[in-house]
Amino acid sequence: MAELKNCYIICYDIRCQKRWRKAYKLIEGYGERVQYSIFRCWLSQRTREKLRWELETILATEDNILFIRLSNRCVEDIPKYNRPGIWQNRDEPFLIV
């Protein structure tokens, strides 16, 4: 049975360019960039914790990262009060085996 996935907004402020680049490439593998330092990711609890652990190996104590879980209702309402096309709601694909 597939794990439940939630939409997360991941924001970061990383002071060192080298660490920023590593974190950017890592998060890019989990989701899509919405703005310069903001990503949208569909993550299960297991995947979220894996990503957090991988980021902890990259980041220094002076760096900041924030995970914000959005409810399904929040995700559905985002296009209602933003510019058209800024946030595309898309269903997660299913793998039929």
PDB file of N, CA and C in Angstrom:
ATOM      1  N   MET A   1       0.840  -1.180   0.000  1.00  0.00           N
ATOM      2  CA  MET A   1       0.000   0.000   0.000  1.00  0.00           C
ATOM      3  C   MET A   1       0.884   1.243   0.000  1.00  0.00           C
ATOM      4  N   ALA A   2       0.509   2.210  -0.804  1.00  0.00           N
ATOM      5  CA  ALA A   2       1.302   3.437  -0.937  1.00  0.00           C
ATOM      6  C   ALA A   2       1.166   4.306   0.302  1.00  0.00           C
ATOM      7  N   GLU A   3       2.239   5.003   0.622  1.00  0.00           N
ATOM      8  CA  GLU A   3       2.219   5.912   1.754  1.00  0.00           C
ATOM      9  C   GLU A   3       1.514   7.206   1.375  1.00  0.00           C
ATOM     10  N   LEU A   4       0.826   7.783   2.333  1.00  0.00           N
ATOM     11  CA  LEU A   4       0.153   9.057   2.139  1.00  0.00           C
ATOM     12  C   LEU A   4       1.196  10.157   1.956  1.00  0.00           C
ATOM     13  N   LYS A   5       1.004  11.001   0.945  1.00  0.00           N
ATOM     14  CA  LYS A   5       1.924  12.114   0.705  1.00  0.00           C
ATOM     15  C   LYS A   5       1.221  13.430   0.991  1.00  0.00           C
ATOM     16  N   ASN A   6       1.977  14.346   1.539  1.00  0.00           N
ATOM     17  CA  ASN A   6       1.491  15.693   1.808  1.00  0.00           C
ATOM     18  C   ASN A   6       2.342  16.694   1.044  1.00  0.00           C
ATOM     19  N   CYS A   7       1.737  17.843   0.785  1.00  0.00           N
ATOM     20  CA  CYS A   7       2.460  18.916   0.113  1.00  0.00           C
ATOM     21  C   CYS A   7       3.220  19.719   1.165  1.00  0.00           C
ATOM     22  N   TYR A   8       4.502  19.932   0.914  1.00  0.00           N
ATOM     23  CA  TYR A   8       5.352  20.727   1.806  1.00  0.00           C
ATOM     24  C   TYR A   8       5.948  21.885   1.042  1.00  0.00           C
ATOM     25  N   ILE A   9       6.005  23.022   1.702  1.00  0.00           N
ATOM     26  CA  ILE A   9       6.761  24.159   1.209  1.00  0.00           C
ATOM     27  C   ILE A   9       8.069  24.137   1.986  1.00  0.00           C
ATOM     28  N   ILE A  10       9.182  24.152   1.282  1.00  0.00           N
ATOM     29  CA  ILE A  10      10.488  24.141   1.924  1.00  0.00           C
ATOM     30  C   ILE A  10      11.186  25.446   1.572  1.00  0.00           C
ATOM     31  N   CYS A  11      11.518  26.209   2.600  1.00  0.00           N
ATOM     32  CA  CYS A  11      12.193  27.502   2.441  1.00  0.00           C
ATOM     33  C   CYS A  11      13.537  27.428   3.132  1.00  0.00           C
ATOM     34  N   TYR A  12      14.521  28.088   2.557  1.00  0.00           N
ATOM     35  CA  TYR A  12      15.836  28.034   3.186  1.00  0.00           C
ATOM     36  C   TYR A  12      16.595  29.336   3.007  1.00  0.00           C
ATOM     37  N   ASP A  13      17.521  29.550   3.941  1.00  0.00           N
ATOM     38  CA  ASP A  13      18.442  30.676   3.905  1.00  0.00           C
ATOM     39  C   ASP A  13      19.808  30.098   4.252  1.00  0.00           C
ATOM     40  N   ILE A  14      20.634  29.916   3.236  1.00  0.00           N
ATOM     41  CA  ILE A  14      21.937  29.276   3.408  1.00  0.00           C
ATOM     42  C   ILE A  14      23.004  30.289   3.040  1.00  0.00           C
ATOM     43  N   ARG A  15      23.914  30.537   3.947  1.00  0.00           N
ATOM     44  CA  ARG A  15      24.876  31.632   3.787  1.00  0.00           C
ATOM     45  C   ARG A  15      26.064  31.313   2.889  1.00  0.00           C
ATOM     46  N   CYS A  16      26.470  30.079   2.850  1.00  0.00           N
ATOM     47  CA  CYS A  16      27.631  29.681   2.042  1.00  0.00           C
ATOM     48  C   CYS A  16      27.156  29.182   0.667  1.00  0.00           C
ATOM     49  N   GLN A  17      27.736  29.718  -0.389  1.00  0.00           N
ATOM     50  CA  GLN A  17      27.333  29.361  -1.747  1.00  0.00           C
ATOM     51  C   GLN A  17      27.520  27.870  -2.031  1.00  0.00           C
ATOM     52  N   LYS A  18      28.569  27.291  -1.516  1.00  0.00           N
ATOM     53  CA  LYS A  18      28.837  25.865  -1.739  1.00  0.00           C
ATOM     54  C   LYS A  18      27.755  25.000  -1.086  1.00  0.00           C
ATOM     55  N   ARG A  19      27.397  25.306   0.159  1.00  0.00           N
ATOM     56  CA  ARG A  19      26.335  24.559   0.842  1.00  0.00           C
ATOM     57  C   ARG A  19      24.991  24.824   0.181  1.00  0.00           C
ATOM     58  N   TRP A  20      24.761  26.069  -0.255  1.00  0.00           N
ATOM     59  CA  TRP A  20      23.510  26.412  -0.936  1.00  0.00           C
ATOM     60  C   TRP A  20      23.324  25.559  -2.185  1.00  0.00           C
ATOM     61  N   ARG A  21      24.384  25.433  -2.970  1.00  0.00           N
ATOM     62  CA  ARG A  21      24.317  24.669  -4.212  1.00  0.00           C
ATOM     63  C   ARG A  21      24.006  23.195  -3.934  1.00  0.00           C
ATOM     64  N   LYS A  22      24.649  22.631  -2.914  1.00  0.00           N
ATOM     65  CA  LYS A  22      24.400  21.232  -2.556  1.00  0.00           C
ATOM     66  C   LYS A  22      22.955  21.031  -2.095  1.00  0.00           C
ATOM     67  N   ALA A  23      22.475  21.928  -1.251  1.00  0.00           N
ATOM     68  CA  ALA A  23      21.102  21.826  -0.755  1.00  0.00           C
ATOM     69  C   ALA A  23      20.103  22.007  -1.899  1.00  0.00           C
ATOM     70  N   TYR A  24      20.363  22.963  -2.772  1.00  0.00           N
ATOM     71  CA  TYR A  24      19.485  23.214  -3.920  1.00  0.00           C
ATOM     72  C   TYR A  24      19.350  21.959  -4.775  1.00  0.00           C
ATOM     73  N   LYS A  25      20.469  21.349  -5.106  1.00  0.00           N
ATOM     74  CA  LYS A  25      20.438  20.146  -5.949  1.00  0.00           C
ATOM     75  C   LYS A  25      19.727  18.994  -5.251  1.00  0.00           C
ATOM     76  N   LEU A  26      19.919  18.880  -3.947  1.00  0.00           N
ATOM     77  CA  LEU A  26      19.258  17.822  -3.194  1.00  0.00           C
ATOM     78  C   LEU A  26      17.744  18.013  -3.192  1.00  0.00           C
ATOM     79  N   ILE A  27      17.280  19.200  -2.833  1.00  0.00           N
ATOM     80  CA  ILE A  27      15.839  19.461  -2.758  1.00  0.00           C
ATOM     81  C   ILE A  27      15.203  19.392  -4.136  1.00  0.00           C
ATOM     82  N   GLU A  28      15.935  19.797  -5.154  1.00  0.00           N
ATOM     83  CA  GLU A  28      15.422  19.749  -6.529  1.00  0.00           C
ATOM     84  C   GLU A  28      15.055  18.320  -6.921  1.00  0.00           C
ATOM     85  N   GLY A  29      15.741  17.347  -6.355  1.00  0.00           N
ATOM     86  CA  GLY A  29      15.432  15.949  -6.627  1.00  0.00           C
ATOM     87  C   GLY A  29      14.150  15.475  -5.963  1.00  0.00           C
ATOM     88  N   TYR A  30      13.622  16.260  -5.027  1.00  0.00           N
ATOM     89  CA  TYR A  30      12.415  15.883  -4.304  1.00  0.00           C
ATOM     90  C   TYR A  30      11.179  16.670  -4.730  1.00  0.00           C
ATOM     91  N   GLY A  31      11.368  17.795  -5.405  1.00  0.00           N
ATOM     92  CA  GLY A  31      10.220  18.622  -5.753  1.00  0.00           C
ATOM     93  C   GLY A  31      10.554  19.641  -6.810  1.00  0.00           C
ATOM     94  N   GLU A  32       9.754  20.681  -6.864  1.00  0.00           N
ATOM     95  CA  GLU A  32       9.955  21.713  -7.878  1.00  0.00           C
ATOM     96  C   GLU A  32      10.131  23.074  -7.224  1.00  0.00           C
ATOM     97  N   ARG A  33      10.966  23.882  -7.841  1.00  0.00           N
ATOM     98  CA  ARG A  33      11.227  25.223  -7.327  1.00  0.00           C
ATOM     99  C   ARG A  33      10.046  26.122  -7.645  1.00  0.00           C
ATOM    100  N   VAL A  34       9.577  26.848  -6.640  1.00  0.00           N
ATOM    101  CA  VAL A  34       8.483  27.798  -6.802  1.00  0.00           C
ATOM    102  C   VAL A  34       9.049  29.207  -6.924  1.00  0.00           C
ATOM    103  N   GLN A  35      10.025  29.530  -6.070  1.00  0.00           N
ATOM    104  CA  GLN A  35      10.745  30.788  -6.122  1.00  0.00           C
ATOM    105  C   GLN A  35      12.203  30.498  -5.819  1.00  0.00           C
ATOM    106  N   TYR A  36      13.018  31.539  -5.755  1.00  0.00           N
ATOM    107  CA  TYR A  36      14.460  31.375  -5.639  1.00  0.00           C
ATOM    108  C   TYR A  36      14.887  30.403  -4.543  1.00  0.00           C
ATOM    109  N   SER A  37      14.378  30.556  -3.346  1.00  0.00           N
ATOM    110  CA  SER A  37      14.752  29.674  -2.233  1.00  0.00           C
ATOM    111  C   SER A  37      13.544  28.974  -1.639  1.00  0.00           C
ATOM    112  N   ILE A  38      12.554  28.700  -2.473  1.00  0.00           N
ATOM    113  CA  ILE A  38      11.326  28.050  -2.020  1.00  0.00           C
ATOM    114  C   ILE A  38      10.979  26.906  -2.975  1.00  0.00           C
ATOM    115  N   PHE A  39      10.751  25.739  -2.395  1.00  0.00           N
ATOM    116  CA  PHE A  39      10.381  24.558  -3.166  1.00  0.00           C
ATOM    117  C   PHE A  39       9.036  24.022  -2.701  1.00  0.00           C
ATOM    118  N   ARG A  40       8.342  23.354  -3.615  1.00  0.00           N
ATOM    119  CA  ARG A  40       7.113  22.626  -3.308  1.00  0.00           C
ATOM    120  C   ARG A  40       7.411  21.153  -3.544  1.00  0.00           C
ATOM    121  N   CYS A  41       7.160  20.343  -2.530  1.00  0.00           N
ATOM    122  CA  CYS A  41       7.463  18.911  -2.615  1.00  0.00           C
ATOM    123  C   CYS A  41       6.285  18.092  -2.094  1.00  0.00           C
ATOM    124  N   TRP A  42       5.983  16.989  -2.750  1.00  0.00           N
ATOM    125  CA  TRP A  42       5.010  16.017  -2.271  1.00  0.00           C
ATOM    126  C   TRP A  42       5.803  14.904  -1.615  1.00  0.00           C
ATOM    127  N   LEU A  43       5.702  14.803  -0.280  1.00  0.00           N
ATOM    128  CA  LEU A  43       6.534  13.877   0.472  1.00  0.00           C
ATOM    129  C   LEU A  43       5.709  13.021   1.417  1.00  0.00           C
ATOM    130  N   SER A  44       6.101  11.776   1.529  1.00  0.00           N
ATOM    131  CA  SER A  44       5.557  10.933   2.584  1.00  0.00           C
ATOM    132  C   SER A  44       6.333  11.256   3.853  1.00  0.00           C
ATOM    133  N   GLN A  45       5.875  10.746   4.982  1.00  0.00           N
ATOM    134  CA  GLN A  45       6.582  11.008   6.233  1.00  0.00           C
ATOM    135  C   GLN A  45       7.995  10.445   6.166  1.00  0.00           C
ATOM    136  N   ARG A  46       8.143   9.270   5.606  1.00  0.00           N
ATOM    137  CA  ARG A  46       9.461   8.639   5.489  1.00  0.00           C
ATOM    138  C   ARG A  46      10.395   9.452   4.596  1.00  0.00           C
ATOM    139  N   THR A  47       9.881   9.908   3.460  1.00  0.00           N
ATOM    140  CA  THR A  47      10.691  10.692   2.523  1.00  0.00           C
ATOM    141  C   THR A  47      11.068  12.045   3.124  1.00  0.00           C
ATOM    142  N   ARG A  48      10.123  12.655   3.846  1.00  0.00           N
ATOM    143  CA  ARG A  48      10.412  13.938   4.502  1.00  0.00           C
ATOM    144  C   ARG A  48      11.557  13.799   5.498  1.00  0.00           C
ATOM    145  N   GLU A  49      11.522  12.740   6.301  1.00  0.00           N
ATOM    146  CA  GLU A  49      12.578  12.542   7.286  1.00  0.00           C
ATOM    147  C   GLU A  49      13.915  12.225   6.624  1.00  0.00           C
ATOM    148  N   LYS A  50      13.873  11.497   5.516  1.00  0.00           N
ATOM    149  CA  LYS A  50      15.104  11.209   4.767  1.00  0.00           C
ATOM    150  C   LYS A  50      15.709  12.509   4.237  1.00  0.00           C
ATOM    151  N   LEU A  51      14.865  13.362   3.666  1.00  0.00           N
ATOM    152  CA  LEU A  51      15.339  14.648   3.148  1.00  0.00           C
ATOM    153  C   LEU A  51      15.912  15.509   4.277  1.00  0.00           C
ATOM    154  N   ARG A  52      15.224  15.568   5.401  1.00  0.00           N
ATOM    155  CA  ARG A  52      15.728  16.352   6.543  1.00  0.00           C
ATOM    156  C   ARG A  52      17.090  15.841   7.001  1.00  0.00           C
ATOM    157  N   TRP A  53      17.241  14.529   7.058  1.00  0.00           N
ATOM    158  CA  TRP A  53      18.511  13.936   7.476  1.00  0.00           C
ATOM    159  C   TRP A  53      19.619  14.281   6.481  1.00  0.00           C
ATOM    160  N   GLU A  54      19.313  14.169   5.180  1.00  0.00           N
ATOM    161  CA  GLU A  54      20.309  14.500   4.154  1.00  0.00           C
ATOM    162  C   GLU A  54      20.693  15.975   4.219  1.00  0.00           C
ATOM    163  N   LEU A  55      19.731  16.854   4.478  1.00  0.00           N
ATOM    164  CA  LEU A  55      20.034  18.285   4.594  1.00  0.00           C
ATOM    165  C   LEU A  55      20.897  18.577   5.812  1.00  0.00           C
ATOM    166  N   GLU A  56      20.670  17.871   6.903  1.00  0.00           N
ATOM    167  CA  GLU A  56      21.472  18.091   8.114  1.00  0.00           C
ATOM    168  C   GLU A  56      22.945  17.770   7.873  1.00  0.00           C
ATOM    169  N   THR A  57      23.243  16.877   6.943  1.00  0.00           N
ATOM    170  CA  THR A  57      24.641  16.563   6.635  1.00  0.00           C
ATOM    171  C   THR A  57      25.293  17.672   5.816  1.00  0.00           C
ATOM    172  N   ILE A  58      24.485  18.537   5.203  1.00  0.00           N
ATOM    173  CA  ILE A  58      24.992  19.620   4.351  1.00  0.00           C
ATOM    174  C   ILE A  58      25.054  20.943   5.105  1.00  0.00           C
ATOM    175  N   LEU A  59      24.028  21.256   5.879  1.00  0.00           N
ATOM    176  CA  LEU A  59      23.865  22.576   6.471  1.00  0.00           C
ATOM    177  C   LEU A  59      24.735  22.793   7.706  1.00  0.00           C
ATOM    178  N   ALA A  60      25.075  24.043   7.931  1.00  0.00           N
ATOM    179  CA  ALA A  60      25.793  24.462   9.137  1.00  0.00           C
ATOM    180  C   ALA A  60      24.777  25.054  10.119  1.00  0.00           C
ATOM    181  N   THR A  61      25.202  25.283  11.340  1.00  0.00           N
ATOM    182  CA  THR A  61      24.292  25.830  12.353  1.00  0.00           C
ATOM    183  C   THR A  61      23.797  27.231  11.995  1.00  0.00           C
ATOM    184  N   GLU A  62      24.536  27.972  11.211  1.00  0.00           N
ATOM    185  CA  GLU A  62      24.125  29.330  10.817  1.00  0.00           C
ATOM    186  C   GLU A  62      23.069  29.333   9.718  1.00  0.00           C
ATOM    187  N   ASP A  63      22.840  28.199   9.071  1.00  0.00           N
ATOM    188  CA  ASP A  63      21.851  28.098   7.996  1.00  0.00           C
ATOM    189  C   ASP A  63      20.466  27.826   8.575  1.00  0.00           C
ATOM    190  N   ASN A  64      19.450  28.247   7.826  1.00  0.00           N
ATOM    191  CA  ASN A  64      18.060  28.033   8.243  1.00  0.00           C
ATOM    192  C   ASN A  64      17.301  27.284   7.171  1.00  0.00           C
ATOM    193  N   ILE A  65      16.448  26.361   7.609  1.00  0.00           N
ATOM    194  CA  ILE A  65      15.560  25.657   6.688  1.00  0.00           C
ATOM    195  C   ILE A  65      14.228  25.484   7.386  1.00  0.00           C
ATOM    196  N   LEU A  66      13.148  25.619   6.622  1.00  0.00           N
ATOM    197  CA  LEU A  66      11.809  25.556   7.186  1.00  0.00           C
ATOM    198  C   LEU A  66      10.947  24.646   6.316  1.00  0.00           C
ATOM    199  N   PHE A  67      10.330  23.640   6.930  1.00  0.00           N
ATOM    200  CA  PHE A  67       9.374  22.755   6.271  1.00  0.00           C
ATOM    201  C   PHE A  67       7.977  23.174   6.729  1.00  0.00           C
ATOM    202  N   ILE A  68       7.078  23.427   5.797  1.00  0.00           N
ATOM    203  CA  ILE A  68       5.698  23.783   6.123  1.00  0.00           C
ATOM    204  C   ILE A  68       4.781  22.797   5.405  1.00  0.00           C
ATOM    205  N   ARG A  69       4.024  22.027   6.178  1.00  0.00           N
ATOM    206  CA  ARG A  69       3.087  21.073   5.578  1.00  0.00           C
ATOM    207  C   ARG A  69       1.772  21.786   5.311  1.00  0.00           C
ATOM    208  N   LEU A  70       1.273  21.641   4.095  1.00  0.00           N
ATOM    209  CA  LEU A  70       0.001  22.241   3.721  1.00  0.00           C
ATOM    210  C   LEU A  70      -1.088  21.178   3.739  1.00  0.00           C
ATOM    211  N   SER A  71      -2.245  21.538   4.253  1.00  0.00           N
ATOM    212  CA  SER A  71      -3.382  20.613   4.207  1.00  0.00           C
ATOM    213  C   SER A  71      -3.887  20.540   2.768  1.00  0.00           C
ATOM    214  N   ASN A  72      -4.651  19.513   2.470  1.00  0.00           N
ATOM    215  CA  ASN A  72      -5.209  19.381   1.118  1.00  0.00           C
ATOM    216  C   ASN A  72      -6.104  20.568   0.783  1.00  0.00           C
ATOM    217  N   ARG A  73      -6.824  21.069   1.756  1.00  0.00           N
ATOM    218  CA  ARG A  73      -7.697  22.226   1.533  1.00  0.00           C
ATOM    219  C   ARG A  73      -6.875  23.462   1.166  1.00  0.00           C
ATOM    220  N   CYS A  74      -5.758  23.662   1.857  1.00  0.00           N
ATOM    221  CA  CYS A  74      -4.873  24.793   1.545  1.00  0.00           C
ATOM    222  C   CYS A  74      -4.355  24.689   0.114  1.00  0.00           C
ATOM    223  N   VAL A  75      -3.930  23.501  -0.273  1.00  0.00           N
ATOM    224  CA  VAL A  75      -3.391  23.291  -1.617  1.00  0.00           C
ATOM    225  C   VAL A  75      -4.459  23.584  -2.671  1.00  0.00           C
ATOM    226  N   GLU A  76      -5.692  23.151  -2.427  1.00  0.00           N
ATOM    227  CA  GLU A  76      -6.784  23.384  -3.380  1.00  0.00           C
ATOM    228  C   GLU A  76      -7.106  24.869  -3.514  1.00  0.00           C
ATOM    229  N   ASP A  77      -6.987  25.621  -2.415  1.00  0.00           N
ATOM    230  CA  ASP A  77      -7.378  27.036  -2.429  1.00  0.00           C
ATOM    231  C   ASP A  77      -6.310  27.986  -2.952  1.00  0.00           C
ATOM    232  N   ILE A  78      -5.069  27.566  -3.043  1.00  0.00           N
ATOM    233  CA  ILE A  78      -3.984  28.465  -3.464  1.00  0.00           C
ATOM    234  C   ILE A  78      -4.269  29.146  -4.802  1.00  0.00           C
ATOM    235  N   PRO A  79      -4.728  28.428  -5.840  1.00  0.00           N
ATOM    236  CA  PRO A  79      -4.988  29.121  -7.122  1.00  0.00           C
ATOM    237  C   PRO A  79      -6.095  30.167  -7.044  1.00  0.00           C
ATOM    238  N   LYS A  80      -6.962  30.076  -6.049  1.00  0.00           N
ATOM    239  CA  LYS A  80      -8.088  31.009  -5.939  1.00  0.00           C
ATOM    240  C   LYS A  80      -7.650  32.432  -5.625  1.00  0.00           C
ATOM    241  N   TYR A  81      -6.560  32.605  -4.909  1.00  0.00           N
ATOM    242  CA  TYR A  81      -6.162  33.951  -4.497  1.00  0.00           C
ATOM    243  C   TYR A  81      -4.760  34.334  -4.952  1.00  0.00           C
ATOM    244  N   ASN A  82      -4.299  33.741  -6.043  1.00  0.00           N
ATOM    245  CA  ASN A  82      -3.006  34.096  -6.616  1.00  0.00           C
ATOM    246  C   ASN A  82      -3.162  34.344  -8.113  1.00  0.00           C
ATOM    247  N   ARG A  83      -2.118  34.805  -8.713  1.00  0.00           N
ATOM    248  CA  ARG A  83      -2.133  35.039 -10.159  1.00  0.00           C
ATOM    249  C   ARG A  83      -2.345  33.716 -10.889  1.00  0.00           C
ATOM    250  N   PRO A  84      -3.033  33.765 -12.031  1.00  0.00           N
ATOM    251  CA  PRO A  84      -3.252  32.535 -12.795  1.00  0.00           C
ATOM    252  C   PRO A  84      -1.932  31.884 -13.205  1.00  0.00           C
ATOM    253  N   GLY A  85      -1.861  30.584 -13.088  1.00  0.00           N
ATOM    254  CA  GLY A  85      -0.693  29.830 -13.526  1.00  0.00           C
ATOM    255  C   GLY A  85       0.468  29.813 -12.553  1.00  0.00           C
ATOM    256  N   ILE A  86       0.362  30.537 -11.437  1.00  0.00           N
ATOM    257  CA  ILE A  86       1.479  30.607 -10.507  1.00  0.00           C
ATOM    258  C   ILE A  86       1.621  29.296  -9.732  1.00  0.00           C
ATOM    259  N   TRP A  87       0.520  28.586  -9.543  1.00  0.00           N
ATOM    260  CA  TRP A  87       0.534  27.327  -8.787  1.00  0.00           C
ATOM    261  C   TRP A  87      -0.375  26.350  -9.508  1.00  0.00           C
ATOM    262  N   GLN A  88       0.194  25.365 -10.111  1.00  0.00           N
ATOM    263  CA  GLN A  88      -0.582  24.363 -10.824  1.00  0.00           C
ATOM    264  C   GLN A  88      -0.876  23.193  -9.896  1.00  0.00           C
ATOM    265  N   ASN A  89      -2.140  22.951  -9.611  1.00  0.00           N
ATOM    266  CA  ASN A  89      -2.504  21.770  -8.836  1.00  0.00           C
ATOM    267  C   ASN A  89      -2.444  20.572  -9.768  1.00  0.00           C
ATOM    268  N   ARG A  90      -1.696  19.596  -9.343  1.00  0.00           N
ATOM    269  CA  ARG A  90      -1.622  18.383 -10.156  1.00  0.00           C
ATOM    270  C   ARG A  90      -1.719  17.197  -9.230  1.00  0.00           C
ATOM    271  N   ASP A  91      -2.455  16.221  -9.682  1.00  0.00           N
ATOM    272  CA  ASP A  91      -2.587  15.014  -8.881  1.00  0.00           C
ATOM    273  C   ASP A  91      -1.292  14.223  -8.950  1.00  0.00           C
ATOM    274  N   GLU A  92      -0.983  13.557  -7.877  1.00  0.00           N
ATOM    275  CA  GLU A  92       0.189  12.696  -7.842  1.00  0.00           C
ATOM    276  C   GLU A  92      -0.086  11.487  -8.721  1.00  0.00           C
ATOM    277  N   PRO A  93       0.892  11.094  -9.544  1.00  0.00           N
ATOM    278  CA  PRO A  93       0.699   9.920 -10.395  1.00  0.00           C
ATOM    279  C   PRO A  93       0.707   8.642  -9.573  1.00  0.00           C
ATOM    280  N   PHE A  94      -0.027   7.668 -10.056  1.00  0.00           N
ATOM    281  CA  PHE A  94      -0.065   6.356  -9.417  1.00  0.00           C
ATOM    282  C   PHE A  94       0.641   5.354 -10.291  1.00  0.00           C
ATOM    283  N   LEU A  95       1.334   4.459  -9.675  1.00  0.00           N
ATOM    284  CA  LEU A  95       2.034   3.391 -10.387  1.00  0.00           C
ATOM    285  C   LEU A  95       1.219   2.121 -10.248  1.00  0.00           C
ATOM    286  N   ILE A  96       0.751   1.611 -11.353  1.00  0.00           N
ATOM    287  CA  ILE A  96      -0.017   0.377 -11.344  1.00  0.00           C
ATOM    288  C   ILE A  96       0.899  -0.761 -11.722  1.00  0.00           C
ATOM    289  N   VAL A  97       0.988  -1.736 -10.828  1.00  0.00           N
ATOM    290  CA  VAL A  97       1.913  -2.850 -11.046  1.00  0.00           C
ATOM    291  C   VAL A  97       1.139  -4.096 -11.401  1.00  0.00           C
TER     292      VAL A  97
END
